[in-house]
Amino acid sequence: MIYRLTLIILLLANIASSQEPAVITAMDHQITVSPQQLKCLQLALAEFDKQSLDIAQYEAALYEIEEGYTVIFADPTLPASHRGGSAKVPGFEVVLDKQCRVIDSNFSR
């Protein structure tokens, strides 16, 4: 399951209640973010912030994977199928386990 998120959604997710699913509307689209997914987004954003990158240049996507979750911060001008960064915006990825603990974070090409 893929949740494509913009900066607006990330900011809303940071202030939403972590006790119940958050229904977020942005750009005429509604998604429901579970408390687990919200926690993962918040932790991934904290890892992203450590890199001193400008969040306004990024789009984030949350993917559910076998190990847990991965959050990919990428150039929004790239097609959704493209992984990694662009010439001007480096890609950044955060991998979290099922309990939302950060396993790894790295730049991606």
N, C-alpha and C. Protein backbone atom coordinates (compact mmCIF):
# COMPACT_ATOMS: atom_id res chain seq x y z
N MET A 1 0.83 -1.17 0.00
CA MET A 1 0.00 0.00 0.00
C MET A 1 0.89 1.24 0.00
N ILE A 2 0.58 2.19 -0.87
CA ILE A 2 1.41 3.38 -1.02
C ILE A 2 0.61 4.60 -0.63
N TYR A 3 1.21 5.46 0.16
CA TYR A 3 0.60 6.72 0.55
C TYR A 3 1.53 7.83 0.07
N ARG A 4 1.12 8.54 -0.98
CA ARG A 4 1.94 9.65 -1.48
C ARG A 4 1.57 10.88 -0.68
N LEU A 5 2.57 11.49 -0.12
CA LEU A 5 2.33 12.61 0.78
C LEU A 5 3.10 13.84 0.32
N THR A 6 2.52 14.99 0.49
CA THR A 6 3.21 16.24 0.21
C THR A 6 3.61 16.88 1.52
N LEU A 7 4.32 17.98 1.42
CA LEU A 7 4.73 18.72 2.61
C LEU A 7 3.52 19.06 3.47
N ILE A 8 2.42 19.44 2.85
CA ILE A 8 1.22 19.80 3.60
C ILE A 8 0.76 18.64 4.47
N ILE A 9 0.74 17.45 3.91
CA ILE A 9 0.28 16.29 4.66
C ILE A 9 1.25 15.97 5.79
N LEU A 10 2.54 16.08 5.54
CA LEU A 10 3.51 15.82 6.61
C LEU A 10 3.31 16.79 7.77
N LEU A 11 3.08 18.05 7.46
CA LEU A 11 2.88 19.01 8.52
C LEU A 11 1.59 18.72 9.29
N LEU A 12 0.54 18.36 8.59
CA LEU A 12 -0.71 18.01 9.26
C LEU A 12 -0.53 16.75 10.10
N ALA A 13 0.22 15.79 9.61
CA ALA A 13 0.45 14.55 10.35
C ALA A 13 1.18 14.82 11.65
N ASN A 14 2.05 15.80 11.67
CA ASN A 14 2.78 16.12 12.89
C ASN A 14 1.88 16.65 14.00
N ILE A 15 0.76 17.26 13.63
CA ILE A 15 -0.11 17.82 14.66
C ILE A 15 -1.34 16.97 14.91
N ALA A 16 -1.54 15.91 14.13
CA ALA A 16 -2.71 15.05 14.31
C ALA A 16 -2.56 14.20 15.56
N SER A 17 -3.66 13.74 16.07
CA SER A 17 -3.65 12.87 17.25
C SER A 17 -3.04 11.52 16.91
N SER A 18 -2.19 11.03 17.76
CA SER A 18 -1.58 9.72 17.50
C SER A 18 -2.41 8.60 18.13
N GLN A 19 -3.56 8.92 18.71
CA GLN A 19 -4.39 7.91 19.36
C GLN A 19 -5.42 7.28 18.43
N GLU A 20 -5.72 7.92 17.33
CA GLU A 20 -6.70 7.39 16.40
C GLU A 20 -6.28 7.75 14.98
N PRO A 21 -6.80 7.03 13.99
CA PRO A 21 -6.42 7.34 12.61
C PRO A 21 -6.71 8.79 12.27
N ALA A 22 -5.81 9.40 11.55
CA ALA A 22 -5.99 10.78 11.12
C ALA A 22 -6.49 10.78 9.68
N VAL A 23 -7.57 11.48 9.43
CA VAL A 23 -8.05 11.65 8.07
C VAL A 23 -7.55 13.00 7.62
N ILE A 24 -6.75 12.99 6.58
CA ILE A 24 -6.08 14.19 6.12
C ILE A 24 -6.55 14.51 4.71
N THR A 25 -6.92 15.77 4.48
CA THR A 25 -7.32 16.22 3.16
C THR A 25 -6.31 17.25 2.68
N ALA A 26 -5.77 17.02 1.50
CA ALA A 26 -4.85 17.96 0.89
C ALA A 26 -5.00 17.84 -0.62
N MET A 27 -5.06 18.95 -1.27
CA MET A 27 -5.17 18.98 -2.73
C MET A 27 -6.33 18.10 -3.21
N ASP A 28 -7.47 18.20 -2.54
CA ASP A 28 -8.71 17.49 -2.89
C ASP A 28 -8.62 15.97 -2.79
N HIS A 29 -7.63 15.46 -2.08
CA HIS A 29 -7.52 14.02 -1.87
C HIS A 29 -7.56 13.75 -0.38
N GLN A 30 -8.23 12.69 -0.02
CA GLN A 30 -8.32 12.30 1.39
C GLN A 30 -7.64 10.96 1.59
N ILE A 31 -6.81 10.88 2.62
CA ILE A 31 -6.19 9.61 2.99
C ILE A 31 -6.37 9.42 4.49
N THR A 32 -6.35 8.19 4.90
CA THR A 32 -6.39 7.88 6.33
C THR A 32 -5.02 7.35 6.72
N VAL A 33 -4.46 7.93 7.75
CA VAL A 33 -3.15 7.53 8.24
C VAL A 33 -3.36 6.90 9.61
N SER A 34 -2.96 5.64 9.75
CA SER A 34 -3.11 4.95 11.03
C SER A 34 -2.13 5.54 12.05
N PRO A 35 -2.38 5.31 13.33
CA PRO A 35 -1.44 5.79 14.35
C PRO A 35 -0.02 5.26 14.11
N GLN A 36 0.09 4.02 13.67
CA GLN A 36 1.41 3.42 13.39
C GLN A 36 2.10 4.16 12.24
N GLN A 37 1.37 4.41 11.17
CA GLN A 37 1.93 5.11 10.02
C GLN A 37 2.30 6.54 10.38
N LEU A 38 1.46 7.19 11.18
CA LEU A 38 1.73 8.55 11.62
C LEU A 38 3.02 8.60 12.42
N LYS A 39 3.19 7.65 13.32
CA LYS A 39 4.41 7.59 14.13
C LYS A 39 5.64 7.39 13.23
N CYS A 40 5.52 6.50 12.26
CA CYS A 40 6.64 6.26 11.32
C CYS A 40 6.98 7.52 10.53
N LEU A 41 5.95 8.24 10.08
CA LEU A 41 6.19 9.49 9.35
C LEU A 41 6.90 10.50 10.22
N GLN A 42 6.48 10.62 11.47
CA GLN A 42 7.11 11.57 12.38
C GLN A 42 8.58 11.22 12.62
N LEU A 43 8.88 9.94 12.82
CA LEU A 43 10.26 9.51 13.05
C LEU A 43 11.11 9.67 11.80
N ALA A 44 10.52 9.37 10.64
CA ALA A 44 11.26 9.54 9.38
C ALA A 44 11.56 11.02 9.14
N LEU A 45 10.60 11.88 9.45
CA LEU A 45 10.83 13.32 9.28
C LEU A 45 11.93 13.80 10.22
N ALA A 46 12.00 13.26 11.42
CA ALA A 46 13.07 13.63 12.36
C ALA A 46 14.44 13.23 11.80
N GLU A 47 14.52 12.03 11.17
CA GLU A 47 15.77 11.60 10.53
C GLU A 47 16.12 12.52 9.36
N PHE A 48 15.12 12.88 8.58
CA PHE A 48 15.31 13.78 7.44
C PHE A 48 15.85 15.12 7.93
N ASP A 49 15.28 15.65 9.01
CA ASP A 49 15.69 16.95 9.55
C ASP A 49 17.16 16.96 9.97
N LYS A 50 17.69 15.82 10.38
CA LYS A 50 19.11 15.74 10.78
C LYS A 50 20.05 16.03 9.61
N GLN A 51 19.55 15.91 8.39
CA GLN A 51 20.39 16.11 7.21
C GLN A 51 20.44 17.56 6.75
N SER A 52 19.71 18.44 7.41
CA SER A 52 19.65 19.87 7.06
C SER A 52 19.21 20.09 5.62
N LEU A 53 18.25 19.30 5.16
CA LEU A 53 17.70 19.46 3.82
C LEU A 53 16.44 20.32 3.91
N ASP A 54 16.07 20.92 2.79
CA ASP A 54 14.89 21.79 2.73
C ASP A 54 13.66 20.95 2.38
N ILE A 55 12.79 20.70 3.34
CA ILE A 55 11.62 19.85 3.15
C ILE A 55 10.70 20.40 2.05
N ALA A 56 10.73 21.69 1.82
CA ALA A 56 9.87 22.30 0.80
C ALA A 56 10.22 21.80 -0.61
N GLN A 57 11.40 21.24 -0.81
CA GLN A 57 11.82 20.74 -2.12
C GLN A 57 11.46 19.27 -2.31
N TYR A 58 10.80 18.67 -1.35
CA TYR A 58 10.58 17.22 -1.37
C TYR A 58 9.12 16.82 -1.33
N GLU A 59 8.90 15.61 -1.81
CA GLU A 59 7.65 14.90 -1.63
C GLU A 59 8.03 13.62 -0.89
N ALA A 60 7.18 13.19 0.01
CA ALA A 60 7.48 11.97 0.76
C ALA A 60 6.46 10.89 0.42
N ALA A 61 6.94 9.66 0.37
CA ALA A 61 6.05 8.51 0.14
C ALA A 61 6.32 7.47 1.21
N LEU A 62 5.26 6.96 1.80
CA LEU A 62 5.34 5.92 2.83
C LEU A 62 4.95 4.60 2.19
N TYR A 63 5.84 3.62 2.29
CA TYR A 63 5.59 2.30 1.73
C TYR A 63 5.60 1.27 2.85
N GLU A 64 4.64 0.38 2.84
CA GLU A 64 4.65 -0.74 3.78
C GLU A 64 5.44 -1.86 3.13
N ILE A 65 6.48 -2.34 3.83
CA ILE A 65 7.34 -3.40 3.31
C ILE A 65 7.34 -4.56 4.29
N GLU A 66 7.99 -5.64 3.92
CA GLU A 66 8.01 -6.83 4.77
C GLU A 66 8.59 -6.55 6.16
N GLU A 67 9.67 -5.77 6.22
CA GLU A 67 10.33 -5.47 7.49
C GLU A 67 9.56 -4.46 8.33
N GLY A 68 8.71 -3.68 7.70
CA GLY A 68 7.97 -2.62 8.39
C GLY A 68 7.53 -1.55 7.42
N TYR A 69 8.29 -0.45 7.39
CA TYR A 69 7.95 0.68 6.53
C TYR A 69 9.22 1.30 5.96
N THR A 70 9.08 1.94 4.83
CA THR A 70 10.14 2.79 4.31
C THR A 70 9.50 4.10 3.88
N VAL A 71 10.17 5.20 4.20
CA VAL A 71 9.71 6.52 3.80
C VAL A 71 10.78 7.08 2.87
N ILE A 72 10.34 7.45 1.67
CA ILE A 72 11.27 7.98 0.68
C ILE A 72 10.96 9.45 0.45
N PHE A 73 11.97 10.28 0.63
CA PHE A 73 11.87 11.71 0.35
C PHE A 73 12.52 11.93 -1.01
N ALA A 74 11.75 12.46 -1.96
CA ALA A 74 12.26 12.58 -3.33
C ALA A 74 11.82 13.88 -3.97
N ASP A 75 12.42 14.18 -5.09
CA ASP A 75 12.08 15.34 -5.91
C ASP A 75 10.67 15.14 -6.46
N PRO A 76 9.74 16.04 -6.18
CA PRO A 76 8.36 15.86 -6.65
C PRO A 76 8.20 15.95 -8.16
N THR A 77 9.21 16.44 -8.86
CA THR A 77 9.12 16.54 -10.32
C THR A 77 9.43 15.22 -11.01
N LEU A 78 9.95 14.25 -10.26
CA LEU A 78 10.28 12.94 -10.84
C LEU A 78 9.02 12.07 -10.89
N PRO A 79 8.96 11.14 -11.85
CA PRO A 79 7.82 10.22 -11.88
C PRO A 79 7.80 9.34 -10.63
N ALA A 80 6.60 8.91 -10.22
CA ALA A 80 6.45 8.11 -9.01
C ALA A 80 7.26 6.83 -9.07
N SER A 81 7.49 6.29 -10.24
CA SER A 81 8.22 5.03 -10.38
C SER A 81 9.73 5.21 -10.22
N HIS A 82 10.21 6.44 -10.25
CA HIS A 82 11.65 6.71 -10.15
C HIS A 82 12.10 6.65 -8.70
N ARG A 83 13.16 5.91 -8.44
CA ARG A 83 13.74 5.86 -7.10
C ARG A 83 15.04 6.63 -7.11
N GLY A 84 15.36 7.23 -5.99
CA GLY A 84 16.60 7.98 -5.90
C GLY A 84 16.36 9.47 -6.09
N GLY A 85 17.46 10.19 -6.21
CA GLY A 85 17.38 11.64 -6.32
C GLY A 85 17.48 12.13 -7.74
N SER A 86 17.37 13.43 -7.87
CA SER A 86 17.55 14.08 -9.16
C SER A 86 18.88 14.83 -9.11
N ALA A 87 19.19 15.53 -10.18
CA ALA A 87 20.44 16.28 -10.22
C ALA A 87 20.50 17.38 -9.17
N LYS A 88 19.34 17.94 -8.81
CA LYS A 88 19.36 19.04 -7.84
C LYS A 88 18.81 18.70 -6.46
N VAL A 89 18.08 17.59 -6.34
CA VAL A 89 17.50 17.19 -5.05
C VAL A 89 17.90 15.75 -4.75
N PRO A 90 18.80 15.55 -3.77
CA PRO A 90 19.19 14.18 -3.45
C PRO A 90 18.05 13.40 -2.80
N GLY A 91 17.88 12.15 -3.19
CA GLY A 91 16.87 11.30 -2.57
C GLY A 91 17.33 10.88 -1.18
N PHE A 92 16.39 10.69 -0.28
CA PHE A 92 16.71 10.25 1.07
C PHE A 92 15.68 9.22 1.49
N GLU A 93 16.14 8.15 2.12
CA GLU A 93 15.25 7.04 2.49
C GLU A 93 15.45 6.69 3.96
N VAL A 94 14.34 6.41 4.64
CA VAL A 94 14.37 5.98 6.03
C VAL A 94 13.62 4.65 6.11
N VAL A 95 14.27 3.62 6.68
CA VAL A 95 13.65 2.31 6.84
C VAL A 95 13.35 2.12 8.32
N LEU A 96 12.11 1.70 8.62
CA LEU A 96 11.68 1.50 10.00
C LEU A 96 11.13 0.09 10.15
N ASP A 97 11.30 -0.48 11.35
CA ASP A 97 10.74 -1.81 11.59
C ASP A 97 9.24 -1.68 11.91
N LYS A 98 8.60 -2.80 12.21
CA LYS A 98 7.15 -2.80 12.45
C LYS A 98 6.75 -2.04 13.71
N GLN A 99 7.70 -1.81 14.61
CA GLN A 99 7.45 -1.02 15.82
C GLN A 99 7.85 0.44 15.61
N CYS A 100 8.13 0.80 14.37
CA CYS A 100 8.51 2.18 13.99
C CYS A 100 9.86 2.61 14.57
N ARG A 101 10.76 1.67 14.76
CA ARG A 101 12.12 2.03 15.15
C ARG A 101 12.94 2.18 13.88
N VAL A 102 13.75 3.22 13.82
CA VAL A 102 14.58 3.45 12.63
C VAL A 102 15.63 2.37 12.54
N ILE A 103 15.64 1.67 11.41
CA ILE A 103 16.64 0.63 11.15
C ILE A 103 17.81 1.23 10.39
N ASP A 104 17.49 2.08 9.41
CA ASP A 104 18.52 2.64 8.54
C ASP A 104 17.99 3.92 7.92
N SER A 105 18.90 4.82 7.59
CA SER A 105 18.56 5.99 6.80
C SER A 105 19.77 6.30 5.93
N ASN A 106 19.50 6.67 4.70
CA ASN A 106 20.58 6.91 3.77
C ASN A 106 20.12 7.75 2.57
N PHE A 107 21.10 8.37 1.92
CA PHE A 107 20.81 9.04 0.67
C PHE A 107 20.71 7.98 -0.41
N SER A 108 19.84 8.22 -1.39
CA SER A 108 19.69 7.26 -2.48
C SER A 108 19.93 7.96 -3.81
N ARG A 109 20.50 7.22 -4.75
CA ARG A 109 20.79 7.79 -6.08
C ARG A 109 19.72 7.44 -7.06
